[in-house]
Each structure stands twice: as C-alpha cells, then as structure tokens.
Amino acid sequence: MNYQEMASQVLEKIGGKSKLISGAHCATRLRLVVADEKSIEKEAIEEIDGVKGVFLAQGQLQIIFGTGIVNKVYDAFVEASGIDTATKDDVKTAAAQKMNPFKKAIKTLGDIFVPIIPAIVATGLLMGLLEGFSTLFPAMADSETVSSPARNCGLQRMAIVRSCAQMFGLVLTMPGNTGRADPGAGLTTPMRKRE
C-alpha cells in the first residue's frame, strides 16, 4: 500500500489544506476536523484504497483504516498537510469549537452527568439490596444501617410490587402481611422504634 498516496487523496477529498483545522488518529481511525463539512467528498473517500468506512460524528470526519495502517497513513497525512501532530483530545476540542450553542450545552451536560451515572446506579442497587435484606431480616430494619427515608422508599416500592402482583392474581406474603389481597396489607403497619 502506498500510504503517501492514500494521505494525499484524503487531503484532496476533504477540500485541501485550507479546509483542514486539525487531525489525529486512534487505534483504527483517522480523525479530522474540517472547517467546511460541505466540502467533504464522503463517497470519494470511501473509494480510496484501504478505507474501510467513513462517517461524521461530533464534528469530526472519521475515516476507518484499521489497526496498524492508520498510524502510517496519519504520518503521511501530517507530512502532506503540514499540520502539527495532535491528540484525540485536541481534535475533540477543535470539533467542539465548531458546534452551535445548543449542541455545546448538550455536550456540557453530558460531560457533567455521564461520569456520575455509575455512582447513581451503584447507589440505587445498594439501596435496593439493603432494603431487600432488611425485609428478609427484620432485625436489620431496627439497625442504624437502614435510615428512615430508605425504609419509606422501600415501603413505596413494595406497595408498587404488591399492586402489580395483584393484577396477576398473586398475593405476596411479607413480614406483617395477613395474607389478604389488599394493596396495603403489611405495609401500613408503623415501623418499630429503637429502644
């Protein structure tokens, strides 16, 4: 494969050096930020020898070459275009500057909340497990591990589960449940206070 030829064809199909803002690569893709996305000849780039796919995402033109090949194409592309080598973060920053204000706001919210999603999920899972164990082992409900708000949240969840079960003709037996098929059976009993 002639990597210099591949790089020069890509540069030509994006509109030349004047249209190129930044470029980098990851393990399989050449990532380019182009000033005018209308100048990109996507179909022509897909026809270049060695290109496995082309798409635009988050303000970047991503050209898939594959592992190992992309490194050599990128080196040839840097030489042909005269751009400085950049990291993926540099390219993301350059692409973000091209976004309209609405997309920037959405991206900012995503950047804030996406990292904390695992913590929120883990907290909900642990609260559910704790509430389930305190239902199975009533002595846990009297401990300081299960707080009053957590118990109340668990009671609400159990009322919802019980209502759903009744829709299918099931009766859930829980501590304090009389076996009657009413939604509040066993759940309206006040919690015992610690002594």
N, C-alpha and C. Protein backbone atom coordinates (compact mmCIF):
# COMPACT_ATOMS: atom_id res chain seq x y z
N MET A 1 0.84 -1.19 0.00
CA MET A 1 0.00 0.00 0.00
C MET A 1 0.88 1.24 0.00
N ASN A 2 0.45 2.23 -0.75
CA ASN A 2 1.17 3.49 -0.81
C ASN A 2 0.49 4.48 0.14
N TYR A 3 1.05 4.64 1.33
CA TYR A 3 0.43 5.46 2.36
C TYR A 3 0.43 6.94 1.99
N GLN A 4 1.49 7.38 1.31
CA GLN A 4 1.55 8.79 0.90
C GLN A 4 0.42 9.10 -0.09
N GLU A 5 0.17 8.17 -1.00
CA GLU A 5 -0.91 8.36 -1.97
C GLU A 5 -2.27 8.38 -1.27
N MET A 6 -2.45 7.48 -0.32
CA MET A 6 -3.71 7.44 0.43
C MET A 6 -3.93 8.76 1.16
N ALA A 7 -2.88 9.26 1.82
CA ALA A 7 -2.98 10.51 2.59
C ALA A 7 -3.28 11.69 1.67
N SER A 8 -2.61 11.75 0.53
CA SER A 8 -2.84 12.88 -0.38
C SER A 8 -4.24 12.83 -0.98
N GLN A 9 -4.76 11.64 -1.23
CA GLN A 9 -6.14 11.52 -1.74
C GLN A 9 -7.15 11.97 -0.68
N VAL A 10 -6.92 11.59 0.57
CA VAL A 10 -7.82 12.03 1.65
C VAL A 10 -7.79 13.55 1.75
N LEU A 11 -6.59 14.13 1.72
CA LEU A 11 -6.44 15.58 1.82
C LEU A 11 -7.18 16.28 0.67
N GLU A 12 -7.07 15.73 -0.52
CA GLU A 12 -7.74 16.30 -1.69
C GLU A 12 -9.26 16.21 -1.54
N LYS A 13 -9.76 15.08 -1.03
CA LYS A 13 -11.21 14.85 -0.94
C LYS A 13 -11.89 15.63 0.18
N ILE A 14 -11.10 16.16 1.13
CA ILE A 14 -11.71 16.98 2.18
C ILE A 14 -11.69 18.46 1.81
N GLY A 15 -11.07 18.78 0.67
CA GLY A 15 -11.06 20.17 0.22
C GLY A 15 -9.70 20.83 0.32
N GLY A 16 -8.67 20.08 0.63
CA GLY A 16 -7.32 20.63 0.68
C GLY A 16 -6.91 21.13 2.06
N LYS A 17 -5.66 21.62 2.10
CA LYS A 17 -5.08 22.09 3.37
C LYS A 17 -5.87 23.23 3.99
N SER A 18 -6.43 24.08 3.14
CA SER A 18 -7.14 25.27 3.65
C SER A 18 -8.39 24.91 4.44
N LYS A 19 -8.97 23.76 4.19
CA LYS A 19 -10.20 23.32 4.89
C LYS A 19 -9.91 22.54 6.17
N LEU A 20 -8.66 22.13 6.35
CA LEU A 20 -8.30 21.28 7.48
C LEU A 20 -7.99 22.12 8.72
N ILE A 21 -8.64 21.80 9.84
CA ILE A 21 -8.39 22.51 11.09
C ILE A 21 -7.43 21.71 11.96
N SER A 22 -7.71 20.42 12.13
CA SER A 22 -6.89 19.58 12.99
C SER A 22 -7.03 18.12 12.58
N GLY A 23 -6.10 17.31 13.02
CA GLY A 23 -6.16 15.89 12.71
C GLY A 23 -5.43 15.06 13.75
N ALA A 24 -5.93 13.87 13.99
CA ALA A 24 -5.31 12.93 14.93
C ALA A 24 -5.75 11.54 14.51
N HIS A 25 -5.32 10.55 15.27
CA HIS A 25 -5.78 9.19 14.99
C HIS A 25 -5.91 8.42 16.29
N CYS A 26 -6.77 7.41 16.26
CA CYS A 26 -6.89 6.48 17.38
C CYS A 26 -6.39 5.14 16.87
N ALA A 27 -6.81 4.06 17.46
CA ALA A 27 -6.30 2.75 17.08
C ALA A 27 -6.67 2.34 15.66
N THR A 28 -7.83 2.77 15.18
CA THR A 28 -8.29 2.32 13.86
C THR A 28 -8.69 3.45 12.92
N ARG A 29 -8.87 4.68 13.43
CA ARG A 29 -9.46 5.75 12.62
C ARG A 29 -8.57 6.98 12.52
N LEU A 30 -8.63 7.60 11.37
CA LEU A 30 -8.06 8.92 11.16
C LEU A 30 -9.16 9.91 11.49
N ARG A 31 -8.93 10.80 12.45
CA ARG A 31 -9.95 11.74 12.90
C ARG A 31 -9.56 13.14 12.47
N LEU A 32 -10.40 13.75 11.65
CA LEU A 32 -10.10 15.07 11.10
C LEU A 32 -11.21 16.06 11.44
N VAL A 33 -10.81 17.29 11.72
CA VAL A 33 -11.78 18.37 11.88
C VAL A 33 -11.61 19.26 10.66
N VAL A 34 -12.70 19.37 9.90
CA VAL A 34 -12.68 20.12 8.64
C VAL A 34 -13.55 21.35 8.82
N ALA A 35 -13.05 22.49 8.33
CA ALA A 35 -13.75 23.77 8.51
C ALA A 35 -15.13 23.76 7.85
N ASP A 36 -15.21 23.23 6.65
CA ASP A 36 -16.47 23.22 5.92
C ASP A 36 -16.83 21.78 5.58
N GLU A 37 -17.80 21.23 6.29
CA GLU A 37 -18.17 19.83 6.08
C GLU A 37 -18.81 19.60 4.71
N LYS A 38 -19.29 20.67 4.08
CA LYS A 38 -19.89 20.53 2.74
C LYS A 38 -18.83 20.24 1.69
N SER A 39 -17.58 20.57 1.98
CA SER A 39 -16.51 20.33 1.00
C SER A 39 -16.02 18.88 1.02
N ILE A 40 -16.50 18.08 1.99
CA ILE A 40 -16.05 16.70 2.11
C ILE A 40 -16.75 15.83 1.07
N GLU A 41 -15.96 15.10 0.31
CA GLU A 41 -16.49 14.15 -0.68
C GLU A 41 -16.47 12.75 -0.04
N LYS A 42 -17.48 12.50 0.74
CA LYS A 42 -17.53 11.26 1.53
C LYS A 42 -17.48 10.00 0.67
N GLU A 43 -18.27 9.97 -0.38
CA GLU A 43 -18.30 8.79 -1.24
C GLU A 43 -16.95 8.55 -1.90
N ALA A 44 -16.29 9.64 -2.30
CA ALA A 44 -14.98 9.51 -2.95
C ALA A 44 -13.93 9.00 -1.95
N ILE A 45 -14.04 9.42 -0.70
CA ILE A 45 -13.10 8.95 0.33
C ILE A 45 -13.29 7.45 0.55
N GLU A 46 -14.54 7.00 0.53
CA GLU A 46 -14.81 5.57 0.72
C GLU A 46 -14.20 4.71 -0.38
N GLU A 47 -13.97 5.30 -1.54
CA GLU A 47 -13.40 4.57 -2.68
C GLU A 47 -11.87 4.48 -2.63
N ILE A 48 -11.24 5.24 -1.73
CA ILE A 48 -9.78 5.21 -1.62
C ILE A 48 -9.35 3.83 -1.12
N ASP A 49 -8.29 3.32 -1.72
CA ASP A 49 -7.77 2.00 -1.36
C ASP A 49 -7.39 1.98 0.13
N GLY A 50 -7.87 1.00 0.85
CA GLY A 50 -7.54 0.85 2.27
C GLY A 50 -8.57 1.43 3.22
N VAL A 51 -9.49 2.25 2.72
CA VAL A 51 -10.52 2.86 3.57
C VAL A 51 -11.63 1.84 3.79
N LYS A 52 -11.95 1.60 5.06
CA LYS A 52 -13.00 0.61 5.39
C LYS A 52 -14.33 1.25 5.75
N GLY A 53 -14.33 2.56 5.94
CA GLY A 53 -15.56 3.26 6.27
C GLY A 53 -15.30 4.72 6.56
N VAL A 54 -16.33 5.55 6.39
CA VAL A 54 -16.22 6.99 6.62
C VAL A 54 -17.52 7.46 7.24
N PHE A 55 -17.42 8.30 8.28
CA PHE A 55 -18.62 8.91 8.85
C PHE A 55 -18.27 10.17 9.60
N LEU A 56 -19.27 11.02 9.77
CA LEU A 56 -19.13 12.25 10.55
C LEU A 56 -19.76 12.01 11.91
N ALA A 57 -19.03 12.36 12.97
CA ALA A 57 -19.56 12.22 14.32
C ALA A 57 -18.95 13.30 15.21
N GLN A 58 -19.80 14.03 15.91
CA GLN A 58 -19.38 15.06 16.86
C GLN A 58 -18.42 16.06 16.24
N GLY A 59 -18.72 16.47 15.03
CA GLY A 59 -17.91 17.48 14.36
C GLY A 59 -16.61 16.95 13.77
N GLN A 60 -16.41 15.65 13.80
CA GLN A 60 -15.19 15.05 13.27
C GLN A 60 -15.51 14.17 12.08
N LEU A 61 -14.62 14.21 11.09
CA LEU A 61 -14.68 13.25 10.00
C LEU A 61 -13.81 12.08 10.43
N GLN A 62 -14.39 10.91 10.54
CA GLN A 62 -13.65 9.73 10.98
C GLN A 62 -13.54 8.76 9.82
N ILE A 63 -12.30 8.46 9.46
CA ILE A 63 -12.02 7.56 8.35
C ILE A 63 -11.39 6.30 8.92
N ILE A 64 -12.04 5.16 8.72
CA ILE A 64 -11.58 3.90 9.29
C ILE A 64 -10.58 3.24 8.33
N PHE A 65 -9.36 3.04 8.84
CA PHE A 65 -8.33 2.35 8.07
C PHE A 65 -8.00 0.99 8.68
N GLY A 66 -8.09 0.89 9.98
CA GLY A 66 -7.75 -0.36 10.65
C GLY A 66 -6.47 -0.23 11.45
N THR A 67 -6.27 -1.17 12.33
CA THR A 67 -5.10 -1.17 13.21
C THR A 67 -3.81 -1.30 12.42
N GLY A 68 -2.82 -0.50 12.79
CA GLY A 68 -1.52 -0.54 12.13
C GLY A 68 -1.45 0.33 10.90
N ILE A 69 -2.45 0.25 10.05
CA ILE A 69 -2.45 1.04 8.81
C ILE A 69 -2.67 2.52 9.13
N VAL A 70 -3.56 2.81 10.08
CA VAL A 70 -3.89 4.20 10.37
C VAL A 70 -2.67 4.97 10.86
N ASN A 71 -1.77 4.34 11.59
CA ASN A 71 -0.56 5.02 12.06
C ASN A 71 0.27 5.52 10.88
N LYS A 72 0.45 4.66 9.90
CA LYS A 72 1.28 5.00 8.73
C LYS A 72 0.59 6.04 7.86
N VAL A 73 -0.72 5.93 7.70
CA VAL A 73 -1.46 6.91 6.92
C VAL A 73 -1.42 8.27 7.62
N TYR A 74 -1.56 8.27 8.94
CA TYR A 74 -1.53 9.52 9.69
C TYR A 74 -0.17 10.21 9.54
N ASP A 75 0.91 9.45 9.66
CA ASP A 75 2.24 10.04 9.48
C ASP A 75 2.38 10.67 8.10
N ALA A 76 1.92 9.97 7.08
CA ALA A 76 1.97 10.50 5.72
C ALA A 76 1.04 11.71 5.57
N PHE A 77 -0.11 11.69 6.26
CA PHE A 77 -1.07 12.79 6.19
C PHE A 77 -0.48 14.05 6.84
N VAL A 78 0.20 13.89 7.98
CA VAL A 78 0.84 15.02 8.66
C VAL A 78 1.90 15.63 7.73
N GLU A 79 2.66 14.78 7.08
CA GLU A 79 3.70 15.25 6.15
C GLU A 79 3.08 15.98 4.95
N ALA A 80 2.01 15.43 4.39
CA ALA A 80 1.38 16.03 3.21
C ALA A 80 0.65 17.32 3.53
N SER A 81 0.00 17.38 4.69
CA SER A 81 -0.82 18.55 5.03
C SER A 81 -0.05 19.64 5.75
N GLY A 82 1.04 19.25 6.41
CA GLY A 82 1.82 20.24 7.15
C GLY A 82 1.22 20.61 8.50
N ILE A 83 0.23 19.85 8.97
CA ILE A 83 -0.35 20.14 10.29
C ILE A 83 0.55 19.60 11.38
N ASP A 84 0.39 20.15 12.58
CA ASP A 84 1.11 19.63 13.74
C ASP A 84 0.40 18.37 14.20
N THR A 85 1.16 17.44 14.77
CA THR A 85 0.53 16.24 15.32
C THR A 85 -0.34 16.66 16.50
N ALA A 86 -1.46 15.99 16.65
CA ALA A 86 -2.41 16.32 17.71
C ALA A 86 -2.91 15.05 18.36
N THR A 87 -3.45 15.20 19.55
CA THR A 87 -4.04 14.07 20.26
C THR A 87 -5.54 14.04 19.97
N LYS A 88 -6.19 12.96 20.40
CA LYS A 88 -7.65 12.87 20.24
C LYS A 88 -8.34 13.99 20.99
N ASP A 89 -7.82 14.36 22.16
CA ASP A 89 -8.43 15.44 22.94
C ASP A 89 -8.32 16.78 22.21
N ASP A 90 -7.19 17.01 21.54
CA ASP A 90 -7.03 18.24 20.77
C ASP A 90 -8.07 18.31 19.65
N VAL A 91 -8.29 17.19 19.00
CA VAL A 91 -9.28 17.14 17.91
C VAL A 91 -10.68 17.34 18.46
N LYS A 92 -10.98 16.74 19.62
CA LYS A 92 -12.31 16.91 20.22
C LYS A 92 -12.55 18.37 20.58
N THR A 93 -11.50 19.04 21.10
CA THR A 93 -11.62 20.45 21.45
C THR A 93 -11.87 21.30 20.21
N ALA A 94 -11.13 21.02 19.15
CA ALA A 94 -11.32 21.76 17.89
C ALA A 94 -12.71 21.53 17.33
N ALA A 95 -13.20 20.29 17.41
CA ALA A 95 -14.55 19.98 16.91
C ALA A 95 -15.61 20.66 17.75
N ALA A 96 -15.40 20.74 19.07
CA ALA A 96 -16.37 21.37 19.97
C ALA A 96 -16.50 22.86 19.67
N GLN A 97 -15.42 23.49 19.23
CA GLN A 97 -15.47 24.92 18.93
C GLN A 97 -16.34 25.21 17.71
N LYS A 98 -16.53 24.22 16.85
CA LYS A 98 -17.37 24.39 15.66
C LYS A 98 -18.86 24.21 15.96
N MET A 99 -19.19 23.62 17.10
CA MET A 99 -20.60 23.29 17.40
C MET A 99 -21.42 24.55 17.66
N ASN A 100 -22.72 24.45 17.36
CA ASN A 100 -23.62 25.56 17.68
C ASN A 100 -23.87 25.57 19.19
N PRO A 101 -24.39 26.67 19.73
CA PRO A 101 -24.56 26.79 21.19
C PRO A 101 -25.43 25.70 21.82
N PHE A 102 -26.48 25.27 21.12
CA PHE A 102 -27.35 24.22 21.67
C PHE A 102 -26.58 22.91 21.82
N LYS A 103 -25.83 22.51 20.79
CA LYS A 103 -25.05 21.29 20.86
C LYS A 103 -23.96 21.39 21.93
N LYS A 104 -23.38 22.59 22.08
CA LYS A 104 -22.36 22.78 23.12
C LYS A 104 -22.97 22.58 24.51
N ALA A 105 -24.19 23.11 24.71
CA ALA A 105 -24.86 22.97 26.01
C ALA A 105 -25.17 21.51 26.30
N ILE A 106 -25.65 20.77 25.29
CA ILE A 106 -25.96 19.35 25.47
C ILE A 106 -24.68 18.58 25.78
N LYS A 107 -23.60 18.90 25.07
CA LYS A 107 -22.32 18.22 25.29
C LYS A 107 -21.81 18.51 26.71
N THR A 108 -21.95 19.75 27.15
CA THR A 108 -21.52 20.11 28.50
C THR A 108 -22.30 19.32 29.55
N LEU A 109 -23.62 19.24 29.38
CA LEU A 109 -24.44 18.45 30.32
C LEU A 109 -24.02 16.98 30.31
N GLY A 110 -23.78 16.46 29.12
CA GLY A 110 -23.34 15.07 29.01
C GLY A 110 -22.00 14.86 29.69
N ASP A 111 -21.08 15.80 29.49
CA ASP A 111 -19.76 15.68 30.12
C ASP A 111 -19.85 15.74 31.64
N ILE A 112 -20.86 16.43 32.15
CA ILE A 112 -21.03 16.52 33.60
C ILE A 112 -21.67 15.25 34.17
N PHE A 113 -22.75 14.80 33.53
CA PHE A 113 -23.54 13.72 34.12
C PHE A 113 -23.09 12.31 33.75
N VAL A 114 -22.49 12.11 32.60
CA VAL A 114 -22.10 10.76 32.19
C VAL A 114 -21.12 10.12 33.18
N PRO A 115 -20.12 10.85 33.69
CA PRO A 115 -19.20 10.20 34.64
C PRO A 115 -19.85 9.77 35.96
N ILE A 116 -20.96 10.42 36.36
CA ILE A 116 -21.56 10.05 37.65
C ILE A 116 -22.67 9.01 37.53
N ILE A 117 -23.01 8.62 36.31
CA ILE A 117 -24.06 7.61 36.12
C ILE A 117 -23.72 6.30 36.85
N PRO A 118 -22.50 5.78 36.76
CA PRO A 118 -22.20 4.54 37.50
C PRO A 118 -22.41 4.68 39.01
N ALA A 119 -22.08 5.84 39.56
CA ALA A 119 -22.27 6.05 41.00
C ALA A 119 -23.76 6.06 41.36
N ILE A 120 -24.56 6.68 40.51
CA ILE A 120 -26.01 6.72 40.76
C ILE A 120 -26.60 5.31 40.67
N VAL A 121 -26.20 4.55 39.67
CA VAL A 121 -26.68 3.18 39.52
C VAL A 121 -26.26 2.32 40.70
N ALA A 122 -24.99 2.44 41.11
CA ALA A 122 -24.50 1.64 42.24
C ALA A 122 -25.23 2.00 43.52
N THR A 123 -25.51 3.28 43.73
CA THR A 123 -26.24 3.71 44.92
C THR A 123 -27.64 3.12 44.94
N GLY A 124 -28.33 3.18 43.81
CA GLY A 124 -29.68 2.60 43.73
C GLY A 124 -29.66 1.11 43.96
N LEU A 125 -28.67 0.43 43.39
CA LEU A 125 -28.54 -1.02 43.58
C LEU A 125 -28.30 -1.36 45.05
N LEU A 126 -27.40 -0.64 45.68
CA LEU A 126 -27.11 -0.89 47.10
C LEU A 126 -28.32 -0.59 47.98
N MET A 127 -29.03 0.50 47.66
CA MET A 127 -30.24 0.81 48.45
C MET A 127 -31.27 -0.31 48.30
N GLY A 128 -31.43 -0.79 47.09
CA GLY A 128 -32.38 -1.88 46.86
C GLY A 128 -31.99 -3.15 47.59
N LEU A 129 -30.69 -3.51 47.54
CA LEU A 129 -30.21 -4.69 48.26
C LEU A 129 -30.40 -4.53 49.76
N LEU A 130 -30.06 -3.36 50.27
CA LEU A 130 -30.20 -3.11 51.70
C LEU A 130 -31.66 -3.21 52.13
N GLU A 131 -32.53 -2.65 51.33
CA GLU A 131 -33.96 -2.71 51.66
C GLU A 131 -34.47 -4.15 51.57
N GLY A 132 -34.00 -4.88 50.58
CA GLY A 132 -34.41 -6.29 50.45
C GLY A 132 -33.95 -7.11 51.64
N PHE A 133 -32.70 -6.90 52.06
CA PHE A 133 -32.19 -7.64 53.22
C PHE A 133 -32.91 -7.24 54.50
N SER A 134 -33.27 -5.95 54.62
CA SER A 134 -33.99 -5.54 55.84
C SER A 134 -35.41 -6.10 55.85
N THR A 135 -35.96 -6.40 54.67
CA THR A 135 -37.28 -7.03 54.61
C THR A 135 -37.17 -8.51 54.97
N LEU A 136 -36.10 -9.16 54.48
CA LEU A 136 -35.90 -10.58 54.80
C LEU A 136 -35.48 -10.78 56.24
N PHE A 137 -34.68 -9.87 56.75
CA PHE A 137 -34.18 -9.95 58.13
C PHE A 137 -34.63 -8.71 58.88
N PRO A 138 -35.81 -8.78 59.51
CA PRO A 138 -36.40 -7.61 60.17
C PRO A 138 -35.50 -6.96 61.21
N ALA A 139 -34.57 -7.70 61.78
CA ALA A 139 -33.68 -7.11 62.76
C ALA A 139 -32.81 -6.02 62.13
N MET A 140 -32.55 -6.15 60.83
CA MET A 140 -31.77 -5.12 60.14
C MET A 140 -32.53 -3.80 60.07
N ALA A 141 -33.87 -3.88 60.01
CA ALA A 141 -34.67 -2.66 59.91
C ALA A 141 -34.51 -1.80 61.15
N ASP A 142 -34.19 -2.42 62.29
CA ASP A 142 -34.01 -1.66 63.53
C ASP A 142 -32.59 -1.11 63.68
N SER A 143 -31.70 -1.52 62.83
CA SER A 143 -30.32 -1.04 62.95
C SER A 143 -30.20 0.35 62.36
N GLU A 144 -29.10 1.00 62.63
CA GLU A 144 -28.88 2.34 62.10
C GLU A 144 -28.43 2.29 60.64
N THR A 145 -28.22 1.12 60.10
CA THR A 145 -27.79 0.99 58.71
C THR A 145 -28.89 1.42 57.77
N VAL A 146 -30.12 1.06 58.06
CA VAL A 146 -31.26 1.41 57.21
C VAL A 146 -31.93 2.63 57.82
N SER A 147 -31.81 3.77 57.15
CA SER A 147 -32.38 5.01 57.67
C SER A 147 -33.87 5.06 57.40
N SER A 148 -34.55 5.97 58.07
CA SER A 148 -35.99 6.10 57.92
C SER A 148 -36.39 6.44 56.48
N PRO A 149 -35.70 7.40 55.80
CA PRO A 149 -36.09 7.67 54.41
C PRO A 149 -35.91 6.45 53.51
N ALA A 150 -34.87 5.66 53.76
CA ALA A 150 -34.65 4.46 52.94
C ALA A 150 -35.78 3.47 53.17
N ARG A 151 -36.24 3.33 54.44
CA ARG A 151 -37.35 2.43 54.73
C ARG A 151 -38.61 2.89 54.02
N ASN A 152 -38.88 4.20 54.07
CA ASN A 152 -40.08 4.73 53.43
C ASN A 152 -40.04 4.50 51.93
N CYS A 153 -38.87 4.70 51.32
CA CYS A 153 -38.71 4.46 49.89
C CYS A 153 -38.96 2.98 49.59
N GLY A 154 -38.46 2.12 50.45
CA GLY A 154 -38.67 0.68 50.26
C GLY A 154 -40.13 0.31 50.40
N LEU A 155 -40.83 0.94 51.33
CA LEU A 155 -42.25 0.66 51.51
C LEU A 155 -43.03 1.06 50.27
N GLN A 156 -42.66 2.19 49.68
CA GLN A 156 -43.34 2.61 48.46
C GLN A 156 -43.08 1.62 47.33
N ARG A 157 -41.84 1.16 47.23
CA ARG A 157 -41.52 0.18 46.19
C ARG A 157 -42.31 -1.10 46.39
N MET A 158 -42.40 -1.55 47.64
CA MET A 158 -43.11 -2.79 47.92
C MET A 158 -44.60 -2.65 47.62
N ALA A 159 -45.18 -1.47 47.85
CA ALA A 159 -46.59 -1.24 47.54
C ALA A 159 -46.81 -1.35 46.04
N ILE A 160 -45.86 -0.83 45.25
CA ILE A 160 -45.96 -0.91 43.80
C ILE A 160 -45.85 -2.37 43.35
N VAL A 161 -44.88 -3.10 43.91
CA VAL A 161 -44.71 -4.51 43.56
C VAL A 161 -45.96 -5.30 43.92
N ARG A 162 -46.51 -5.04 45.10
CA ARG A 162 -47.71 -5.74 45.54
C ARG A 162 -48.89 -5.45 44.61
N SER A 163 -49.05 -4.19 44.19
CA SER A 163 -50.14 -3.84 43.27
C SER A 163 -49.99 -4.56 41.95
N CYS A 164 -48.77 -4.63 41.44
CA CYS A 164 -48.52 -5.34 40.18
C CYS A 164 -48.81 -6.83 40.34
N ALA A 165 -48.43 -7.39 41.47
CA ALA A 165 -48.67 -8.82 41.70
C ALA A 165 -50.15 -9.11 41.76
N GLN A 166 -50.92 -8.20 42.36
CA GLN A 166 -52.35 -8.41 42.45
C GLN A 166 -53.03 -8.35 41.09
N MET A 167 -52.46 -7.59 40.19
CA MET A 167 -53.02 -7.54 38.83
C MET A 167 -53.01 -8.92 38.21
N PHE A 168 -52.04 -9.74 38.60
CA PHE A 168 -51.92 -11.10 38.07
C PHE A 168 -52.48 -12.14 39.02
N GLY A 169 -53.19 -11.68 40.07
CA GLY A 169 -53.84 -12.60 40.99
C GLY A 169 -52.90 -13.23 42.00
N LEU A 170 -51.74 -12.63 42.21
CA LEU A 170 -50.79 -13.17 43.18
C LEU A 170 -50.93 -12.44 44.51
N VAL A 171 -50.62 -13.11 45.58
CA VAL A 171 -50.60 -12.49 46.90
C VAL A 171 -49.20 -12.67 47.45
N LEU A 172 -48.56 -11.56 47.75
CA LEU A 172 -47.21 -11.62 48.32
C LEU A 172 -47.30 -11.72 49.82
N THR A 173 -46.57 -12.62 50.41
CA THR A 173 -46.54 -12.71 51.86
C THR A 173 -45.23 -12.12 52.33
N MET A 174 -45.33 -11.08 53.11
CA MET A 174 -44.17 -10.38 53.66
C MET A 174 -44.35 -10.33 55.17
N PRO A 175 -43.32 -10.00 55.91
CA PRO A 175 -43.48 -9.86 57.36
C PRO A 175 -44.61 -8.88 57.67
N GLY A 176 -45.54 -9.29 58.48
CA GLY A 176 -46.66 -8.43 58.84
C GLY A 176 -47.83 -8.54 57.89
N ASN A 177 -47.70 -9.31 56.82
CA ASN A 177 -48.78 -9.45 55.85
C ASN A 177 -49.77 -10.48 56.38
N THR A 178 -51.04 -10.15 56.32
CA THR A 178 -52.08 -11.05 56.83
C THR A 178 -52.50 -12.07 55.79
N GLY A 179 -51.98 -11.94 54.56
CA GLY A 179 -52.37 -12.85 53.51
C GLY A 179 -53.58 -12.35 52.74
N ARG A 180 -54.15 -11.24 53.20
CA ARG A 180 -55.27 -10.68 52.46
C ARG A 180 -54.76 -10.06 51.17
N ALA A 181 -55.62 -10.00 50.19
CA ALA A 181 -55.22 -9.49 48.88
C ALA A 181 -55.52 -8.00 48.76
N ASP A 182 -55.13 -7.22 49.76
CA ASP A 182 -55.31 -5.77 49.62
C ASP A 182 -53.93 -5.12 49.52
N PRO A 183 -53.82 -4.03 48.73
CA PRO A 183 -52.51 -3.47 48.40
C PRO A 183 -51.70 -3.04 49.61
N GLY A 184 -52.36 -2.64 50.69
CA GLY A 184 -51.60 -2.12 51.82
C GLY A 184 -51.32 -3.13 52.91
N ALA A 185 -51.70 -4.39 52.72
CA ALA A 185 -51.54 -5.38 53.78
C ALA A 185 -50.08 -5.51 54.17
N GLY A 186 -49.79 -5.27 55.44
CA GLY A 186 -48.44 -5.42 55.95
C GLY A 186 -47.57 -4.21 55.71
N LEU A 187 -48.03 -3.27 54.91
CA LEU A 187 -47.19 -2.12 54.60
C LEU A 187 -47.64 -0.87 55.33
N THR A 188 -48.82 -0.89 55.93
CA THR A 188 -49.30 0.29 56.63
C THR A 188 -48.97 0.22 58.11
N THR A 189 -48.41 -0.89 58.57
CA THR A 189 -48.04 -1.03 59.96
C THR A 189 -46.90 -0.07 60.26
N PRO A 190 -47.00 0.74 61.32
CA PRO A 190 -45.90 1.67 61.62
C PRO A 190 -44.64 0.91 61.95
N MET A 191 -43.51 1.49 61.59
CA MET A 191 -42.21 0.87 61.87
C MET A 191 -41.96 0.92 63.38
N ARG A 192 -41.30 -0.12 63.87
CA ARG A 192 -40.96 -0.15 65.29
C ARG A 192 -39.86 0.86 65.56
N LYS A 193 -39.93 1.50 66.71
CA LYS A 193 -38.90 2.45 67.10
C LYS A 193 -37.82 1.73 67.87
N ARG A 194 -36.62 2.25 67.76
CA ARG A 194 -35.50 1.66 68.52
C ARG A 194 -35.66 1.97 69.99
N GLU A 195 -35.23 1.05 70.78
CA GLU A 195 -35.34 1.25 72.24
C GLU A 195 -33.98 1.50 72.82
